[in-house]
Structure formats: C-alpha cells, structure tokens
Amino acid sequence: MLIRNIDQTPTTPVTMPGVQGARMAIMVGRSDGAPNFALRQFQVDGGGFTPRHSHDYEHEVFVVSGGGTVLLEGAERPVAAGDVIYVPANEEHQFKAGETGLRFLCLVPVSRNCGDPTPGS
C-alpha cells in the first residue's frame, strides 16, 4: 500500500526543450510497483508552460489548482481547477499556466516514460 501527500512530495524541474517554469513529481509509478499506470503531478509557474508535443499514448489530466490553457485539436482552451482533460494518443498538446500558476495530475501508462523526471505530459 502507498499513501503519499501531494503537498509533501518533492518536485523536480522538467528539463526538456520547449519548457518554462514546470516541475514534476511521480505520485505513483513503476518504482512503487504500479503495474499499469503512473500518476504524475505537474506544477507550472505563472506564465510557464509544458512543451508543445504529441506521443503515441493517451493520458487523462485533472486540474488541481490554478488555471491557464490547454492546446488541443489546434486550439487553446481555458482550463481551471476541477477540470478534467482527455488527451488522445498522437494529439499535439501543451499546457500553459495563467498568472497564478497551474497544478495538475496526469495519468499515463506505466510503460511510457514513468519514472523519467523529464517528461512534459
């Protein structure tokens, strides 16, 4: 069993091209024995963003706090605390934080970049 508090889990900077002011923590992942999914937390500073990218797997996102925009289907759409976002496989996407920042959880297959501290969601 694992119980981990979102506010007490250290984050590490996301260090890939196209990122500004984003940090990540793996809340549950391969190293915890999770066989199928990894749950990641992202914190994006006000005005910051994740990279604009796509990948061959879907992921589900829950906005914990703050707000900003998500690029999906070629358009930026507003997101706020409490919103759930489905990002299909191979869909270009990017998260941008508003003035107060953006904090979200992202669920991905554990077989895909789970444990790597540099993915941009």
Protein backbone atom coordinates (compact mmCIF):
# COMPACT_ATOMS: atom_id res chain seq x y z
CA MET A 1 0.00 0.00 0.00
CA LEU A 2 1.13 3.56 -0.68
CA ILE A 3 -0.15 6.82 0.73
CA ARG A 4 1.62 9.94 -0.49
CA ASN A 5 0.52 13.54 0.06
CA ILE A 6 0.53 15.83 -2.98
CA ASP A 7 1.75 18.78 -0.89
CA GLN A 8 4.61 16.83 0.65
CA THR A 9 6.00 15.18 -2.48
CA PRO A 10 9.12 16.94 -3.80
CA THR A 11 9.08 18.02 -7.43
CA THR A 12 11.97 18.22 -9.88
CA PRO A 13 12.32 20.66 -12.78
CA VAL A 14 11.18 19.46 -16.19
CA THR A 15 14.34 19.94 -18.27
CA MET A 16 13.46 19.43 -21.89
CA PRO A 17 13.32 21.87 -24.82
CA GLY A 18 10.18 23.99 -25.00
CA VAL A 19 9.50 24.05 -21.24
CA GLN A 20 9.40 27.07 -18.99
CA GLY A 21 8.78 27.02 -15.24
CA ALA A 22 7.46 23.44 -14.94
CA ARG A 23 8.19 20.90 -12.21
CA MET A 24 7.04 17.30 -11.87
CA ALA A 25 6.70 14.57 -9.27
CA ILE A 26 5.74 10.96 -9.79
CA MET A 27 2.98 10.37 -7.27
CA VAL A 28 2.67 6.65 -8.10
CA GLY A 29 4.76 4.83 -10.68
CA ARG A 30 6.86 1.88 -11.65
CA SER A 31 9.21 2.27 -8.68
CA ASP A 32 6.18 1.95 -6.39
CA GLY A 33 5.19 -1.34 -8.01
CA ALA A 34 2.34 0.08 -10.11
CA PRO A 35 1.87 -2.42 -12.97
CA ASN A 36 -0.33 -0.40 -15.34
CA PHE A 37 -0.47 3.35 -14.71
CA ALA A 38 1.62 6.18 -13.35
CA LEU A 39 0.16 9.28 -11.76
CA ARG A 40 2.29 12.39 -12.18
CA GLN A 41 1.90 15.83 -10.65
CA PHE A 42 2.92 18.92 -12.63
CA GLN A 43 3.32 22.41 -11.21
CA VAL A 44 3.72 25.20 -13.76
CA ASP A 45 4.69 28.68 -12.59
CA GLY A 46 2.61 31.67 -13.67
CA GLY A 47 3.33 32.33 -17.35
CA GLY A 48 5.13 28.98 -17.69
CA PHE A 49 4.33 26.07 -19.99
CA THR A 50 4.96 22.44 -20.85
CA PRO A 51 6.38 21.56 -24.28
CA ARG A 52 4.19 21.51 -27.35
CA HIS A 53 4.32 17.83 -28.31
CA SER A 54 2.47 14.59 -29.04
CA HIS A 55 3.08 10.92 -28.24
CA ASP A 56 1.61 7.52 -29.02
CA TYR A 57 -0.38 7.12 -25.80
CA GLU A 58 -3.40 8.81 -24.28
CA HIS A 59 -3.44 10.48 -20.93
CA GLU A 60 -6.00 11.88 -18.57
CA VAL A 61 -5.49 15.13 -16.69
CA PHE A 62 -7.13 16.61 -13.59
CA VAL A 63 -6.51 20.29 -12.80
CA VAL A 64 -5.89 20.53 -9.06
CA SER A 65 -5.46 24.30 -8.76
CA GLY A 66 -4.84 27.46 -10.70
CA GLY A 67 -5.69 27.81 -14.33
CA GLY A 68 -4.47 28.54 -17.79
CA THR A 69 -4.95 26.98 -21.21
CA VAL A 70 -4.50 23.66 -22.93
CA LEU A 71 -3.70 23.34 -26.63
CA LEU A 72 -5.83 20.52 -28.10
CA GLU A 73 -7.18 19.96 -31.61
CA GLY A 74 -5.22 23.00 -32.78
CA ALA A 75 -6.87 25.48 -30.40
CA GLU A 76 -6.09 26.83 -26.94
CA ARG A 77 -8.92 26.32 -24.48
CA PRO A 78 -9.21 27.66 -20.93
CA VAL A 79 -8.80 25.24 -18.01
CA ALA A 80 -9.36 25.77 -14.29
CA ALA A 81 -9.30 23.88 -11.01
CA GLY A 82 -11.66 20.91 -11.12
CA ASP A 83 -11.47 20.42 -14.89
CA VAL A 84 -10.74 17.01 -16.40
CA ILE A 85 -8.98 16.81 -19.79
CA TYR A 86 -8.65 13.78 -22.04
CA VAL A 87 -5.63 13.95 -24.35
CA PRO A 88 -5.90 11.29 -27.09
CA ALA A 89 -2.84 9.48 -28.41
CA ASN A 90 -0.96 11.35 -31.16
CA GLU A 91 -2.75 14.65 -30.38
CA GLU A 92 -0.46 17.67 -30.18
CA HIS A 93 -0.93 19.36 -26.82
CA GLN A 94 0.57 21.91 -24.45
CA PHE A 95 -0.38 23.30 -21.06
CA LYS A 96 0.18 26.99 -20.28
CA ALA A 97 -0.26 28.47 -16.82
CA GLY A 98 -2.16 31.66 -16.13
CA GLU A 99 -0.84 34.36 -13.80
CA THR A 100 -1.34 32.31 -10.62
CA GLY A 101 0.17 29.11 -11.99
CA LEU A 102 -1.25 25.71 -12.83
CA ARG A 103 -1.12 22.42 -10.95
CA PHE A 104 -2.41 19.22 -12.48
CA LEU A 105 -2.30 15.45 -12.20
CA CYS A 106 -1.61 13.37 -15.29
CA LEU A 107 -2.31 9.65 -15.64
CA VAL A 108 -0.25 7.72 -18.21
CA PRO A 109 0.61 4.07 -18.93
CA VAL A 110 3.43 2.96 -16.63
CA SER A 111 5.21 1.50 -19.66
CA ARG A 112 5.57 5.04 -21.05
CA ASN A 113 8.05 7.49 -19.51
CA CYS A 114 7.04 6.81 -15.92
CA GLY A 115 9.98 7.29 -13.70
CA ASP A 116 11.72 9.67 -16.07
CA PRO A 117 11.70 13.07 -14.33
CA THR A 118 11.77 14.99 -17.61
CA PRO A 119 8.51 14.23 -19.48
CA GLY A 120 6.29 17.18 -20.29
CA SER A 121 2.96 15.37 -20.02
